[in-house]
Amino acid sequence: MEVILREDVDNLGHRGQMVKVAAGYARNFLLPKKLALEATAANKKIVEQVREAAIRREAKEVGDAQELAKLMSGLTLTIKAKAGENDQLFGSITSQDIARALEVQKFTIDRRKIQLPEPIRTLGDHKVPVRLHREVSTEVTVSVVKDE
């Protein structure tokens, strides 16, 4: 039996893909859980329209992310933090602190898109990658200075 997948199914296929499965698997698992549709001519047309709309939406999102990356490239954020004698911070600078500093600069970026491998614990300049989209990322410089 041929079905069109509505969601990604492990070891079977991805959303929008047409796959051939056993009739029992489709009837008892995929169709009741709304993971797939029966592959009729009408359903194929509907899925094709949805796929084209998703492609257009994806292209627009990539274009918007590239424009934002151009605006953010070369951006330097200055964050003040309390530090000891050896330029060690008393706390640390996290992705949430960087997201707040970006908001001050009028960039609204979700903190989960800031790819900080570990919190910043020293003074100085640090390059921090920001993933704006699955295909688009940029780097911002975070300058941590001593708060007097």
Protein backbone atom coordinates (compact mmCIF):
# COMPACT_ATOMS: atom_id res chain seq x y z
CA MET A 1 0.00 0.00 0.00
CA GLU A 2 1.31 3.45 -0.88
CA VAL A 3 1.04 6.25 1.67
CA ILE A 4 2.18 9.87 1.86
CA LEU A 5 3.97 10.67 5.11
CA ARG A 6 2.64 13.64 7.08
CA GLU A 7 5.50 13.53 9.61
CA ASP A 8 9.04 12.15 9.69
CA VAL A 9 8.93 8.47 10.64
CA ASP A 10 12.12 6.75 11.79
CA ASN A 11 13.43 4.07 9.43
CA LEU A 12 10.70 4.88 6.90
CA GLY A 13 10.97 8.37 5.42
CA HIS A 14 10.53 12.10 5.72
CA ARG A 15 7.49 14.36 5.64
CA GLY A 16 5.86 14.61 2.20
CA GLN A 17 7.58 11.49 0.91
CA MET A 18 5.55 8.74 -0.75
CA VAL A 19 6.48 5.27 0.51
CA LYS A 20 5.25 1.74 0.02
CA VAL A 21 4.38 -0.11 3.24
CA ALA A 22 2.50 -3.21 4.28
CA ALA A 23 -1.28 -2.70 4.36
CA GLY A 24 -1.49 -3.73 8.03
CA TYR A 25 1.24 -1.28 9.06
CA ALA A 26 -0.58 1.53 7.30
CA ARG A 27 -4.05 0.58 8.56
CA ASN A 28 -3.07 -0.16 12.18
CA PHE A 29 -0.28 2.31 12.87
CA LEU A 30 0.36 5.09 10.34
CA LEU A 31 -3.21 6.11 9.47
CA PRO A 32 -4.74 6.05 13.00
CA LYS A 33 -1.83 8.10 14.42
CA LYS A 34 -2.19 10.58 11.52
CA LEU A 35 1.41 9.98 10.47
CA ALA A 36 0.41 9.27 6.87
CA LEU A 37 -2.32 9.71 4.27
CA GLU A 38 -3.47 7.19 1.72
CA ALA A 39 -1.81 7.95 -1.62
CA THR A 40 -4.82 8.94 -3.75
CA ALA A 41 -4.70 11.38 -6.66
CA ALA A 42 -6.40 14.11 -4.62
CA ASN A 43 -4.04 13.66 -1.67
CA LYS A 44 -1.03 13.76 -3.99
CA LYS A 45 -2.15 17.14 -5.34
CA ILE A 46 -2.73 18.54 -1.85
CA VAL A 47 0.67 17.33 -0.63
CA GLU A 48 2.37 18.81 -3.70
CA GLN A 49 0.74 22.21 -3.03
CA VAL A 50 1.81 22.09 0.62
CA ARG A 51 5.35 21.14 -0.40
CA GLU A 52 5.56 24.07 -2.86
CA ALA A 53 4.29 26.47 -0.18
CA ALA A 54 6.88 25.13 2.26
CA ILE A 55 9.65 25.62 -0.32
CA ARG A 56 8.58 29.24 -0.88
CA ARG A 57 8.36 29.89 2.86
CA GLU A 58 11.80 28.31 3.41
CA ALA A 59 13.34 30.46 0.66
CA LYS A 60 11.88 33.60 2.26
CA GLU A 61 13.20 32.60 5.70
CA VAL A 62 16.68 31.97 4.30
CA GLY A 63 16.64 35.36 2.55
CA ASP A 64 15.57 37.14 5.75
CA ALA A 65 18.25 35.32 7.75
CA GLN A 66 20.93 36.29 5.22
CA GLU A 67 19.91 39.96 5.43
CA LEU A 68 20.04 39.81 9.22
CA ALA A 69 23.46 38.12 9.05
CA LYS A 70 24.77 41.00 6.89
CA LEU A 71 23.52 43.51 9.46
CA MET A 72 25.03 41.57 12.36
CA SER A 73 28.41 40.81 10.82
CA GLY A 74 31.07 42.96 12.42
CA LEU A 75 28.81 43.76 15.38
CA THR A 76 30.60 44.22 18.70
CA LEU A 77 28.67 43.84 21.94
CA THR A 78 30.13 45.31 25.12
CA ILE A 79 29.10 43.62 28.34
CA LYS A 80 30.23 44.91 31.74
CA ALA A 81 30.91 42.34 34.43
CA LYS A 82 32.49 42.30 37.87
CA ALA A 83 35.96 40.78 37.82
CA GLY A 84 38.75 39.97 40.25
CA GLU A 85 42.44 40.83 40.13
CA ASN A 86 43.43 38.22 37.51
CA ASP A 87 40.72 39.27 35.03
CA GLN A 88 38.59 36.34 36.15
CA LEU A 89 34.89 37.09 36.28
CA PHE A 90 32.99 36.55 39.51
CA GLY A 91 30.13 35.10 37.49
CA SER A 92 30.00 34.22 33.80
CA ILE A 93 28.53 35.58 30.58
CA THR A 94 25.90 33.23 29.18
CA SER A 95 23.90 33.12 25.97
CA GLN A 96 21.05 34.83 27.81
CA ASP A 97 23.30 37.81 28.64
CA ILE A 98 24.36 38.01 25.00
CA ALA A 99 20.71 37.88 23.86
CA ARG A 100 19.91 40.81 26.19
CA ALA A 101 22.85 42.79 24.78
CA LEU A 102 21.57 42.07 21.26
CA GLU A 103 18.11 43.36 22.25
CA VAL A 104 19.70 46.62 23.36
CA GLN A 105 21.14 46.84 19.83
CA LYS A 106 17.60 46.24 18.42
CA PHE A 107 18.23 42.61 17.36
CA THR A 108 15.71 40.12 18.75
CA ILE A 109 17.49 36.77 18.74
CA ASP A 110 16.42 33.71 20.72
CA ARG A 111 19.11 32.72 23.22
CA ARG A 112 19.07 29.12 21.91
CA LYS A 113 20.36 30.37 18.55
CA ILE A 114 23.51 31.71 20.21
CA GLN A 115 26.02 28.88 19.91
CA LEU A 116 28.09 29.43 23.03
CA PRO A 117 29.94 26.17 23.80
CA GLU A 118 30.58 27.21 27.40
CA PRO A 119 29.96 30.40 29.38
CA ILE A 120 32.54 33.19 29.07
CA ARG A 121 34.56 33.52 32.28
CA THR A 122 37.35 35.93 31.31
CA LEU A 123 37.64 39.55 30.25
CA GLY A 124 38.45 40.43 26.64
CA ASP A 125 37.03 39.89 23.18
CA HIS A 126 35.33 36.62 22.31
CA LYS A 127 33.91 35.48 18.95
CA VAL A 128 30.46 33.95 19.40
CA PRO A 129 28.65 32.19 16.54
CA VAL A 130 24.94 32.92 16.10
CA ARG A 131 22.89 30.47 14.05
CA LEU A 132 20.09 32.49 12.45
CA HIS A 133 18.76 29.67 10.30
CA ARG A 134 19.64 26.07 9.56
CA GLU A 135 21.76 27.28 6.61
CA VAL A 136 22.78 30.77 7.80
CA SER A 137 25.05 31.68 10.68
CA THR A 138 27.22 34.66 11.58
CA GLU A 139 29.69 35.67 14.27
CA VAL A 140 29.45 38.56 16.71
CA THR A 141 32.24 39.84 18.91
CA VAL A 142 31.47 40.00 22.61
CA SER A 143 33.75 42.37 24.46
CA VAL A 144 33.70 41.70 28.19
CA VAL A 145 34.98 44.68 30.18
CA LYS A 146 35.55 45.18 33.89
CA ASP A 147 32.70 46.90 35.72
CA GLU A 148 34.08 49.60 37.98
